[in-house]
Amino acid sequence: MTSSKPARPILEFHPPTAERWRDLVTLFDHHGNPGYCWCMTWRSTSTAYRQLASAGRRHALESLVKTGTPTGILGYLNGQPVGWCSIAPRETYLRLERSTTLKRIDDLPTWSVVCFFVSRKARGQGLALKLLQAAVAYAVAQGAKVIEGYPVDSNKSYRFMGSPAIFKAAGFQDAAVVENGRRIVRFVVDTG
């Protein structure tokens, strides 16, 4: 008599590419808010964002992906897209660059993590932390030396930017506290 162990879940992480665009569409289309904003909230100015409907936001993200602009990391569980972490050079996030709350704290070239999404079927498995770790590895492979996050406490309604605990577990340190009490956290690549 043989006992069959459940297959161990296979996790993979990849930046979106033209070939993986359909995977990102599959993830975003089936889960409400991502299919509404298409991760363009921080990439557009407030005015431009309001002027684009969901289809326009989708097209804008598709253009970025298909031209090879860094946009984030897709998480796959057993070959199916189940998670997203938006990470890119800070200057590509136009709204973030103009933010009066989350202002730059110095002039160092910085990559920013601005959004997480994990599908319901993959929640509770630590995927957000694994997405963040994969996003950091991706940014470092692209030459990033400083990676920033803007966590939101779990009692707040908008939690897409990640929790302080996830960033801390990934090795981020407090870098600044802005006037409304929000934290800016950083992962600085050890070059020594």
N, C-alpha and C. Protein backbone atom coordinates (compact mmCIF):
# COMPACT_ATOMS: atom_id res chain seq x y z
N MET A 1 0.84 -1.18 0.00
CA MET A 1 0.00 0.00 0.00
C MET A 1 0.89 1.25 0.00
N THR A 2 0.66 2.12 -0.93
CA THR A 2 1.45 3.34 -1.01
C THR A 2 0.61 4.51 -0.56
N SER A 3 1.25 5.38 0.16
CA SER A 3 0.54 6.60 0.55
C SER A 3 0.98 7.70 -0.40
N SER A 4 0.02 8.43 -0.84
CA SER A 4 0.38 9.52 -1.75
C SER A 4 0.35 10.83 -0.96
N LYS A 5 1.48 11.47 -0.97
CA LYS A 5 1.58 12.77 -0.32
C LYS A 5 1.00 13.81 -1.25
N PRO A 6 0.35 14.81 -0.68
CA PRO A 6 -0.12 15.88 -1.55
C PRO A 6 1.07 16.54 -2.25
N ALA A 7 0.87 16.87 -3.49
CA ALA A 7 1.94 17.53 -4.24
C ALA A 7 2.28 18.86 -3.58
N ARG A 8 3.55 19.10 -3.48
CA ARG A 8 4.02 20.35 -2.90
C ARG A 8 3.71 21.49 -3.87
N PRO A 9 3.15 22.59 -3.37
CA PRO A 9 2.84 23.69 -4.28
C PRO A 9 4.12 24.24 -4.92
N ILE A 10 4.03 24.57 -6.18
CA ILE A 10 5.16 25.14 -6.91
C ILE A 10 4.91 26.63 -7.08
N LEU A 11 5.78 27.43 -6.48
CA LEU A 11 5.70 28.88 -6.61
C LEU A 11 6.77 29.37 -7.57
N GLU A 12 6.37 30.27 -8.45
CA GLU A 12 7.32 30.91 -9.37
C GLU A 12 6.99 32.39 -9.42
N PHE A 13 7.99 33.19 -9.75
CA PHE A 13 7.82 34.64 -9.84
C PHE A 13 8.51 35.13 -11.10
N HIS A 14 7.79 35.96 -11.87
CA HIS A 14 8.34 36.46 -13.13
C HIS A 14 7.84 37.89 -13.37
N PRO A 15 8.70 38.74 -13.94
CA PRO A 15 8.19 40.05 -14.36
C PRO A 15 7.26 39.84 -15.55
N PRO A 16 6.25 40.69 -15.68
CA PRO A 16 5.38 40.56 -16.85
C PRO A 16 6.13 40.94 -18.11
N THR A 17 5.88 40.20 -19.16
CA THR A 17 6.46 40.44 -20.47
C THR A 17 5.33 40.36 -21.48
N ALA A 18 5.63 40.66 -22.72
CA ALA A 18 4.60 40.53 -23.76
C ALA A 18 4.03 39.11 -23.76
N GLU A 19 4.89 38.12 -23.55
CA GLU A 19 4.44 36.72 -23.55
C GLU A 19 3.61 36.39 -22.31
N ARG A 20 3.80 37.10 -21.23
CA ARG A 20 3.06 36.84 -19.99
C ARG A 20 1.90 37.82 -19.79
N TRP A 21 1.66 38.70 -20.73
CA TRP A 21 0.60 39.70 -20.60
C TRP A 21 -0.75 39.03 -20.31
N ARG A 22 -1.07 37.94 -21.01
CA ARG A 22 -2.36 37.26 -20.80
C ARG A 22 -2.50 36.78 -19.35
N ASP A 23 -1.39 36.39 -18.72
CA ASP A 23 -1.44 35.95 -17.32
C ASP A 23 -1.83 37.11 -16.41
N LEU A 24 -1.27 38.28 -16.68
CA LEU A 24 -1.62 39.45 -15.88
C LEU A 24 -3.09 39.82 -16.09
N VAL A 25 -3.55 39.73 -17.33
CA VAL A 25 -4.96 40.01 -17.63
C VAL A 25 -5.86 39.02 -16.88
N THR A 26 -5.49 37.75 -16.91
CA THR A 26 -6.27 36.72 -16.20
C THR A 26 -6.38 37.06 -14.72
N LEU A 27 -5.27 37.43 -14.11
CA LEU A 27 -5.27 37.76 -12.69
C LEU A 27 -6.12 39.00 -12.41
N PHE A 28 -5.92 40.05 -13.16
CA PHE A 28 -6.61 41.31 -12.91
C PHE A 28 -8.09 41.25 -13.29
N ASP A 29 -8.43 40.62 -14.38
CA ASP A 29 -9.82 40.59 -14.86
C ASP A 29 -10.77 39.89 -13.90
N HIS A 30 -10.27 38.95 -13.14
CA HIS A 30 -11.15 38.14 -12.31
C HIS A 30 -11.24 38.58 -10.87
N HIS A 31 -10.68 39.73 -10.55
CA HIS A 31 -10.61 40.07 -9.13
C HIS A 31 -10.93 41.53 -8.81
N GLY A 32 -11.94 42.09 -9.41
CA GLY A 32 -12.42 43.39 -8.98
C GLY A 32 -11.45 44.53 -9.14
N ASN A 33 -10.94 45.05 -8.01
CA ASN A 33 -10.15 46.27 -8.03
C ASN A 33 -8.97 46.26 -8.99
N PRO A 34 -8.14 45.19 -9.04
CA PRO A 34 -7.04 45.24 -10.01
C PRO A 34 -7.54 45.44 -11.44
N GLY A 35 -8.70 44.84 -11.78
CA GLY A 35 -9.26 45.01 -13.11
C GLY A 35 -9.86 46.39 -13.33
N TYR A 36 -9.99 47.15 -12.27
CA TYR A 36 -10.49 48.51 -12.39
C TYR A 36 -9.34 49.49 -12.56
N CYS A 37 -8.33 49.36 -11.72
CA CYS A 37 -7.24 50.35 -11.74
C CYS A 37 -6.09 49.94 -12.66
N TRP A 38 -5.94 48.65 -12.92
CA TRP A 38 -4.86 48.13 -13.77
C TRP A 38 -3.50 48.65 -13.33
N CYS A 39 -3.37 48.81 -12.02
CA CYS A 39 -2.10 49.22 -11.42
C CYS A 39 -1.56 50.52 -12.03
N MET A 40 -2.47 51.41 -12.37
CA MET A 40 -2.08 52.69 -12.96
C MET A 40 -2.31 53.87 -12.00
N THR A 41 -2.84 53.59 -10.80
CA THR A 41 -3.10 54.66 -9.84
C THR A 41 -1.88 55.52 -9.59
N TRP A 42 -0.76 54.89 -9.31
CA TRP A 42 0.46 55.63 -9.00
C TRP A 42 1.27 55.99 -10.24
N ARG A 43 1.00 55.32 -11.36
CA ARG A 43 1.78 55.56 -12.58
C ARG A 43 1.27 56.77 -13.37
N SER A 44 0.06 57.20 -13.10
CA SER A 44 -0.55 58.33 -13.81
C SER A 44 -0.67 59.52 -12.87
N THR A 45 -0.81 60.68 -13.43
CA THR A 45 -1.18 61.82 -12.60
C THR A 45 -2.65 61.62 -12.21
N SER A 46 -3.10 62.29 -11.17
CA SER A 46 -4.49 62.16 -10.73
C SER A 46 -5.45 62.52 -11.85
N THR A 47 -5.14 63.59 -12.59
CA THR A 47 -6.01 64.02 -13.68
C THR A 47 -6.06 62.98 -14.79
N ALA A 48 -4.91 62.50 -15.21
CA ALA A 48 -4.88 61.50 -16.28
C ALA A 48 -5.59 60.22 -15.85
N TYR A 49 -5.42 59.81 -14.61
CA TYR A 49 -6.06 58.60 -14.11
C TYR A 49 -7.58 58.73 -14.17
N ARG A 50 -8.09 59.88 -13.72
CA ARG A 50 -9.55 60.10 -13.75
C ARG A 50 -10.09 60.12 -15.17
N GLN A 51 -9.30 60.58 -16.12
CA GLN A 51 -9.76 60.67 -17.50
C GLN A 51 -9.79 59.32 -18.21
N LEU A 52 -9.00 58.37 -17.72
CA LEU A 52 -8.97 57.04 -18.33
C LEU A 52 -10.00 56.14 -17.67
N ALA A 53 -10.78 55.46 -18.48
CA ALA A 53 -11.66 54.41 -17.94
C ALA A 53 -10.80 53.17 -17.74
N SER A 54 -11.39 52.12 -17.21
CA SER A 54 -10.65 50.89 -16.97
C SER A 54 -9.95 50.38 -18.23
N ALA A 55 -10.61 50.45 -19.36
CA ALA A 55 -10.00 49.97 -20.62
C ALA A 55 -8.77 50.80 -20.98
N GLY A 56 -8.82 52.09 -20.74
CA GLY A 56 -7.67 52.95 -21.02
C GLY A 56 -6.51 52.66 -20.08
N ARG A 57 -6.81 52.35 -18.82
CA ARG A 57 -5.77 52.00 -17.86
C ARG A 57 -5.13 50.67 -18.24
N ARG A 58 -5.97 49.74 -18.68
CA ARG A 58 -5.45 48.44 -19.13
C ARG A 58 -4.50 48.63 -20.31
N HIS A 59 -4.90 49.43 -21.26
CA HIS A 59 -4.07 49.68 -22.43
C HIS A 59 -2.76 50.36 -22.03
N ALA A 60 -2.82 51.29 -21.08
CA ALA A 60 -1.61 51.98 -20.64
C ALA A 60 -0.63 51.00 -19.99
N LEU A 61 -1.15 50.10 -19.14
CA LEU A 61 -0.27 49.11 -18.51
C LEU A 61 0.28 48.14 -19.56
N GLU A 62 -0.57 47.74 -20.48
CA GLU A 62 -0.12 46.83 -21.55
C GLU A 62 1.02 47.47 -22.35
N SER A 63 0.91 48.75 -22.65
CA SER A 63 1.97 49.44 -23.38
C SER A 63 3.28 49.41 -22.61
N LEU A 64 3.21 49.65 -21.30
CA LEU A 64 4.42 49.60 -20.48
C LEU A 64 5.03 48.20 -20.48
N VAL A 65 4.20 47.20 -20.30
CA VAL A 65 4.69 45.81 -20.27
C VAL A 65 5.32 45.44 -21.60
N LYS A 66 4.64 45.77 -22.68
CA LYS A 66 5.11 45.33 -24.00
C LYS A 66 6.34 46.10 -24.49
N THR A 67 6.62 47.25 -23.87
CA THR A 67 7.84 47.97 -24.24
C THR A 67 8.99 47.64 -23.28
N GLY A 68 8.73 46.73 -22.34
CA GLY A 68 9.78 46.29 -21.43
C GLY A 68 10.03 47.20 -20.24
N THR A 69 9.14 48.14 -19.99
CA THR A 69 9.26 49.02 -18.82
C THR A 69 9.01 48.20 -17.56
N PRO A 70 9.86 48.28 -16.55
CA PRO A 70 9.60 47.55 -15.32
C PRO A 70 8.25 47.95 -14.72
N THR A 71 7.44 46.97 -14.39
CA THR A 71 6.13 47.23 -13.81
C THR A 71 5.85 46.42 -12.56
N GLY A 72 6.49 45.26 -12.42
CA GLY A 72 6.21 44.46 -11.24
C GLY A 72 6.63 43.02 -11.39
N ILE A 73 6.07 42.21 -10.50
CA ILE A 73 6.34 40.77 -10.45
C ILE A 73 5.01 40.04 -10.35
N LEU A 74 4.86 39.03 -11.19
CA LEU A 74 3.71 38.13 -11.13
C LEU A 74 4.09 36.90 -10.32
N GLY A 75 3.19 36.46 -9.45
CA GLY A 75 3.39 35.23 -8.70
C GLY A 75 2.51 34.14 -9.27
N TYR A 76 3.09 32.97 -9.44
CA TYR A 76 2.36 31.81 -9.98
C TYR A 76 2.35 30.70 -8.94
N LEU A 77 1.22 30.08 -8.77
CA LEU A 77 1.08 28.90 -7.93
C LEU A 77 0.66 27.75 -8.83
N ASN A 78 1.53 26.75 -8.94
CA ASN A 78 1.27 25.61 -9.82
C ASN A 78 0.92 26.05 -11.24
N GLY A 79 1.64 27.06 -11.71
CA GLY A 79 1.48 27.52 -13.09
C GLY A 79 0.37 28.52 -13.32
N GLN A 80 -0.42 28.83 -12.31
CA GLN A 80 -1.52 29.78 -12.44
C GLN A 80 -1.16 31.12 -11.80
N PRO A 81 -1.45 32.24 -12.46
CA PRO A 81 -1.14 33.55 -11.86
C PRO A 81 -2.05 33.81 -10.66
N VAL A 82 -1.44 34.08 -9.49
CA VAL A 82 -2.23 34.28 -8.27
C VAL A 82 -1.83 35.53 -7.49
N GLY A 83 -0.75 36.20 -7.91
CA GLY A 83 -0.32 37.36 -7.13
C GLY A 83 0.43 38.38 -7.97
N TRP A 84 0.48 39.59 -7.45
CA TRP A 84 1.11 40.72 -8.13
C TRP A 84 1.76 41.63 -7.10
N CYS A 85 2.93 42.11 -7.42
CA CYS A 85 3.59 43.15 -6.64
C CYS A 85 4.11 44.18 -7.63
N SER A 86 3.63 45.40 -7.50
CA SER A 86 4.06 46.48 -8.39
C SER A 86 5.36 47.07 -7.87
N ILE A 87 6.42 46.97 -8.66
CA ILE A 87 7.72 47.53 -8.31
C ILE A 87 8.35 48.09 -9.57
N ALA A 88 8.90 49.28 -9.44
CA ALA A 88 9.52 49.95 -10.60
C ALA A 88 10.33 51.14 -10.08
N PRO A 89 11.17 51.72 -10.93
CA PRO A 89 11.86 52.94 -10.51
C PRO A 89 10.84 54.01 -10.09
N ARG A 90 11.13 54.67 -8.99
CA ARG A 90 10.19 55.65 -8.44
C ARG A 90 9.75 56.68 -9.48
N GLU A 91 10.67 57.12 -10.34
CA GLU A 91 10.30 58.17 -11.29
C GLU A 91 9.25 57.73 -12.30
N THR A 92 9.01 56.43 -12.42
CA THR A 92 7.95 55.96 -13.34
C THR A 92 6.57 56.06 -12.71
N TYR A 93 6.51 56.32 -11.42
CA TYR A 93 5.24 56.51 -10.72
C TYR A 93 4.98 58.01 -10.62
N LEU A 94 4.34 58.56 -11.62
CA LEU A 94 4.16 60.01 -11.70
C LEU A 94 3.41 60.59 -10.50
N ARG A 95 2.37 59.90 -10.07
CA ARG A 95 1.59 60.41 -8.93
C ARG A 95 2.41 60.35 -7.64
N LEU A 96 3.18 59.32 -7.48
CA LEU A 96 4.05 59.21 -6.31
C LEU A 96 5.08 60.33 -6.31
N GLU A 97 5.65 60.62 -7.47
CA GLU A 97 6.64 61.69 -7.57
C GLU A 97 6.05 63.05 -7.21
N ARG A 98 4.75 63.22 -7.46
CA ARG A 98 4.09 64.49 -7.15
C ARG A 98 3.44 64.50 -5.77
N SER A 99 3.49 63.39 -5.07
CA SER A 99 2.81 63.27 -3.78
C SER A 99 3.36 64.28 -2.78
N THR A 100 2.46 64.94 -2.08
CA THR A 100 2.88 65.85 -1.02
C THR A 100 3.02 65.10 0.30
N THR A 101 2.48 63.90 0.37
CA THR A 101 2.58 63.08 1.57
C THR A 101 3.80 62.17 1.54
N LEU A 102 3.97 61.46 0.44
CA LEU A 102 5.07 60.49 0.32
C LEU A 102 6.20 61.08 -0.52
N LYS A 103 6.68 62.22 -0.08
CA LYS A 103 7.74 62.93 -0.80
C LYS A 103 9.04 62.14 -0.77
N ARG A 104 9.87 62.39 -1.77
CA ARG A 104 11.22 61.81 -1.75
C ARG A 104 11.93 62.28 -0.49
N ILE A 105 12.68 61.36 0.10
CA ILE A 105 13.41 61.75 1.32
C ILE A 105 14.86 62.11 1.02
N ASP A 106 15.32 61.80 -0.20
CA ASP A 106 16.64 62.20 -0.65
C ASP A 106 16.68 62.03 -2.17
N ASP A 107 17.84 62.26 -2.76
CA ASP A 107 17.92 62.19 -4.22
C ASP A 107 18.53 60.88 -4.72
N LEU A 108 18.60 59.86 -3.86
CA LEU A 108 19.13 58.57 -4.29
C LEU A 108 18.21 57.91 -5.31
N PRO A 109 18.77 57.27 -6.33
CA PRO A 109 17.92 56.52 -7.27
C PRO A 109 17.22 55.41 -6.49
N THR A 110 15.91 55.39 -6.59
CA THR A 110 15.09 54.51 -5.75
C THR A 110 14.06 53.77 -6.59
N TRP A 111 13.86 52.51 -6.26
CA TRP A 111 12.74 51.74 -6.80
C TRP A 111 11.66 51.73 -5.73
N SER A 112 10.40 51.71 -6.14
CA SER A 112 9.29 51.77 -5.19
C SER A 112 8.35 50.58 -5.36
N VAL A 113 7.87 50.10 -4.22
CA VAL A 113 6.83 49.06 -4.17
C VAL A 113 5.56 49.78 -3.77
N VAL A 114 4.55 49.75 -4.65
CA VAL A 114 3.34 50.51 -4.36
C VAL A 114 2.07 49.69 -4.28
N CYS A 115 2.11 48.41 -4.63
CA CYS A 115 0.86 47.65 -4.62
C CYS A 115 1.13 46.15 -4.54
N PHE A 116 0.25 45.47 -3.80
CA PHE A 116 0.23 44.02 -3.73
C PHE A 116 -1.18 43.55 -4.03
N PHE A 117 -1.27 42.41 -4.67
CA PHE A 117 -2.56 41.75 -4.81
C PHE A 117 -2.33 40.25 -4.81
N VAL A 118 -3.11 39.53 -3.99
CA VAL A 118 -3.07 38.07 -3.95
C VAL A 118 -4.50 37.58 -4.10
N SER A 119 -4.71 36.67 -5.05
CA SER A 119 -6.06 36.15 -5.25
C SER A 119 -6.53 35.38 -4.02
N ARG A 120 -7.82 35.31 -3.83
CA ARG A 120 -8.39 34.67 -2.64
C ARG A 120 -7.88 33.25 -2.45
N LYS A 121 -7.79 32.50 -3.53
CA LYS A 121 -7.40 31.08 -3.41
C LYS A 121 -5.95 30.91 -2.93
N ALA A 122 -5.16 31.95 -3.00
CA ALA A 122 -3.76 31.84 -2.59
C ALA A 122 -3.45 32.60 -1.31
N ARG A 123 -4.45 33.19 -0.69
CA ARG A 123 -4.21 33.95 0.55
C ARG A 123 -3.95 33.00 1.72
N GLY A 124 -3.28 33.53 2.73
CA GLY A 124 -3.00 32.74 3.92
C GLY A 124 -1.82 31.79 3.76
N GLN A 125 -1.05 31.95 2.69
CA GLN A 125 0.10 31.08 2.44
C GLN A 125 1.42 31.84 2.42
N GLY A 126 1.39 33.08 2.89
CA GLY A 126 2.61 33.88 2.93
C GLY A 126 3.06 34.40 1.57
N LEU A 127 2.13 34.45 0.61
CA LEU A 127 2.51 34.84 -0.75
C LEU A 127 2.90 36.31 -0.86
N ALA A 128 2.30 37.18 -0.07
CA ALA A 128 2.66 38.61 -0.16
C ALA A 128 4.14 38.81 0.18
N LEU A 129 4.61 38.14 1.22
CA LEU A 129 6.02 38.24 1.58
C LEU A 129 6.90 37.67 0.47
N LYS A 130 6.52 36.55 -0.07
CA LYS A 130 7.30 35.93 -1.15
C LYS A 130 7.30 36.80 -2.40
N LEU A 131 6.17 37.45 -2.67
CA LEU A 131 6.12 38.40 -3.79
C LEU A 131 7.09 39.55 -3.56
N LEU A 132 7.09 40.09 -2.35
CA LEU A 132 7.98 41.21 -2.03
C LEU A 132 9.44 40.77 -2.15
N GLN A 133 9.77 39.62 -1.65
CA GLN A 133 11.14 39.13 -1.77
C GLN A 133 11.54 38.95 -3.23
N ALA A 134 10.63 38.42 -4.04
CA ALA A 134 10.91 38.25 -5.47
C ALA A 134 11.04 39.61 -6.16
N ALA A 135 10.21 40.57 -5.74
CA ALA A 135 10.27 41.91 -6.32
C ALA A 135 11.60 42.58 -6.00
N VAL A 136 12.06 42.43 -4.77
CA VAL A 136 13.37 42.99 -4.38
C VAL A 136 14.47 42.35 -5.20
N ALA A 137 14.44 41.03 -5.34
CA ALA A 137 15.46 40.33 -6.14
C ALA A 137 15.45 40.81 -7.58
N TYR A 138 14.26 41.02 -8.13
CA TYR A 138 14.14 41.53 -9.50
C TYR A 138 14.75 42.92 -9.62
N ALA A 139 14.39 43.81 -8.69
CA ALA A 139 14.91 45.19 -8.73
C ALA A 139 16.43 45.20 -8.61
N VAL A 140 16.96 44.39 -7.69
CA VAL A 140 18.41 44.32 -7.51
C VAL A 140 19.07 43.81 -8.80
N ALA A 141 18.46 42.82 -9.44
CA ALA A 141 19.00 42.31 -10.71
C ALA A 141 18.99 43.37 -11.80
N GLN A 142 18.09 44.36 -11.67
CA GLN A 142 18.02 45.46 -12.63
C GLN A 142 18.94 46.62 -12.24
N GLY A 143 19.67 46.47 -11.13
CA GLY A 143 20.62 47.50 -10.71
C GLY A 143 20.17 48.37 -9.56
N ALA A 144 19.00 48.10 -8.98
CA ALA A 144 18.51 48.91 -7.86
C ALA A 144 19.42 48.78 -6.66
N LYS A 145 19.66 49.89 -5.99
CA LYS A 145 20.44 49.92 -4.76
C LYS A 145 19.58 50.27 -3.55
N VAL A 146 18.47 50.98 -3.80
CA VAL A 146 17.55 51.38 -2.75
C VAL A 146 16.14 51.04 -3.23
N ILE A 147 15.41 50.33 -2.37
CA ILE A 147 14.02 49.97 -2.68
C ILE A 147 13.17 50.46 -1.53
N GLU A 148 12.10 51.17 -1.87
CA GLU A 148 11.27 51.83 -0.88
C GLU A 148 9.87 51.23 -0.88
N GLY A 149 9.24 51.24 0.29
CA GLY A 149 7.85 50.84 0.43
C GLY A 149 7.11 51.85 1.28
N TYR A 150 5.79 51.80 1.21
CA TYR A 150 4.94 52.78 1.89
C TYR A 150 3.81 52.04 2.60
N PRO A 151 4.15 51.22 3.62
CA PRO A 151 3.16 50.33 4.21
C PRO A 151 2.00 51.07 4.87
N VAL A 152 0.90 50.35 4.94
CA VAL A 152 -0.32 50.87 5.55
C VAL A 152 -0.69 49.93 6.68
N ASP A 153 -1.00 50.50 7.84
CA ASP A 153 -1.40 49.67 8.98
C ASP A 153 -2.64 48.86 8.64
N SER A 154 -2.74 47.69 9.21
CA SER A 154 -3.81 46.75 8.85
C SER A 154 -5.20 47.25 9.21
N ASN A 155 -5.33 48.25 10.06
CA ASN A 155 -6.65 48.77 10.41
C ASN A 155 -7.14 49.82 9.41
N LYS A 156 -6.37 50.12 8.40
CA LYS A 156 -6.77 51.09 7.39
C LYS A 156 -7.52 50.38 6.27
N SER A 157 -8.38 51.10 5.58
CA SER A 157 -9.19 50.46 4.54
C SER A 157 -8.39 50.16 3.28
N TYR A 158 -7.41 50.99 2.95
CA TYR A 158 -6.63 50.77 1.74
C TYR A 158 -5.36 50.03 2.11
N ARG A 159 -5.33 48.72 1.87
CA ARG A 159 -4.20 47.90 2.28
C ARG A 159 -3.37 47.39 1.12
N PHE A 160 -3.63 47.84 -0.06
CA PHE A 160 -2.91 47.33 -1.23
C PHE A 160 -1.42 47.65 -1.21
N MET A 161 -1.02 48.61 -0.40
CA MET A 161 0.40 49.01 -0.38
C MET A 161 1.24 48.14 0.54
N GLY A 162 0.63 47.16 1.19
CA GLY A 162 1.37 46.23 2.04
C GLY A 162 1.39 46.66 3.50
N SER A 163 1.60 45.69 4.36
CA SER A 163 1.62 45.97 5.80
C SER A 163 3.05 46.20 6.29
N PRO A 164 3.19 46.92 7.40
CA PRO A 164 4.53 47.09 7.97
C PRO A 164 5.20 45.74 8.27
N ALA A 165 4.44 44.75 8.71
CA ALA A 165 5.02 43.44 9.06
C ALA A 165 5.64 42.75 7.85
N ILE A 166 5.01 42.86 6.69
CA ILE A 166 5.56 42.21 5.49
C ILE A 166 6.89 42.86 5.11
N PHE A 167 6.93 44.17 5.13
CA PHE A 167 8.17 44.86 4.78
C PHE A 167 9.28 44.54 5.79
N LYS A 168 8.93 44.51 7.08
CA LYS A 168 9.93 44.20 8.10
C LYS A 168 10.47 42.79 7.89
N ALA A 169 9.59 41.83 7.61
CA ALA A 169 10.01 40.45 7.40
C ALA A 169 10.93 40.31 6.18
N ALA A 170 10.79 41.23 5.23
CA ALA A 170 11.64 41.20 4.03
C ALA A 170 12.93 42.00 4.20
N GLY A 171 13.17 42.52 5.39
CA GLY A 171 14.43 43.21 5.64
C GLY A 171 14.41 44.71 5.44
N PHE A 172 13.23 45.30 5.26
CA PHE A 172 13.13 46.75 5.12
C PHE A 172 13.24 47.40 6.50
N GLN A 173 13.81 48.60 6.52
CA GLN A 173 13.98 49.37 7.76
C GLN A 173 13.25 50.70 7.63
N ASP A 174 12.79 51.24 8.75
CA ASP A 174 12.16 52.56 8.74
C ASP A 174 13.16 53.58 8.21
N ALA A 175 12.70 54.43 7.30
CA ALA A 175 13.56 55.47 6.73
C ALA A 175 13.02 56.86 7.04
N ALA A 176 11.70 56.98 7.17
CA ALA A 176 11.10 58.28 7.46
C ALA A 176 9.66 58.07 7.92
N VAL A 177 9.18 59.04 8.68
CA VAL A 177 7.77 59.10 9.04
C VAL A 177 7.29 60.43 8.52
N VAL A 178 6.27 60.39 7.67
CA VAL A 178 5.77 61.63 7.07
C VAL A 178 4.70 62.24 7.96
N GLU A 179 4.29 63.47 7.62
CA GLU A 179 3.47 64.25 8.53
C GLU A 179 2.15 63.60 8.95
N ASN A 180 1.58 62.73 8.13
CA ASN A 180 0.31 62.08 8.53
C ASN A 180 0.56 60.77 9.28
N GLY A 181 1.81 60.51 9.64
CA GLY A 181 2.15 59.31 10.40
C GLY A 181 2.49 58.10 9.55
N ARG A 182 2.34 58.21 8.23
CA ARG A 182 2.72 57.10 7.36
C ARG A 182 4.22 56.92 7.39
N ARG A 183 4.64 55.68 7.23
CA ARG A 183 6.06 55.36 7.22
C ARG A 183 6.56 55.13 5.81
N ILE A 184 7.78 55.51 5.60
CA ILE A 184 8.51 55.13 4.39
C ILE A 184 9.59 54.17 4.88
N VAL A 185 9.62 52.99 4.27
CA VAL A 185 10.60 51.98 4.66
C VAL A 185 11.52 51.71 3.48
N ARG A 186 12.73 51.28 3.80
CA ARG A 186 13.71 51.05 2.74
C ARG A 186 14.49 49.74 2.93
N PHE A 187 14.81 49.17 1.78
CA PHE A 187 15.74 48.05 1.70
C PHE A 187 16.93 48.61 0.94
N VAL A 188 18.07 48.64 1.61
CA VAL A 188 19.29 49.17 0.96
C VAL A 188 20.19 47.98 0.66
N VAL A 189 20.60 47.88 -0.59
CA VAL A 189 21.42 46.77 -1.02
C VAL A 189 22.81 46.92 -0.43
N ASP A 190 23.28 45.88 0.20
CA ASP A 190 24.62 45.86 0.79
C ASP A 190 25.63 45.69 -0.33
N THR A 191 26.39 46.73 -0.60
CA THR A 191 27.36 46.67 -1.69
C THR A 191 28.77 46.35 -1.19
N GLY A 192 28.90 46.12 0.12
CA GLY A 192 30.23 45.86 0.66
C GLY A 192 30.42 44.45 0.90
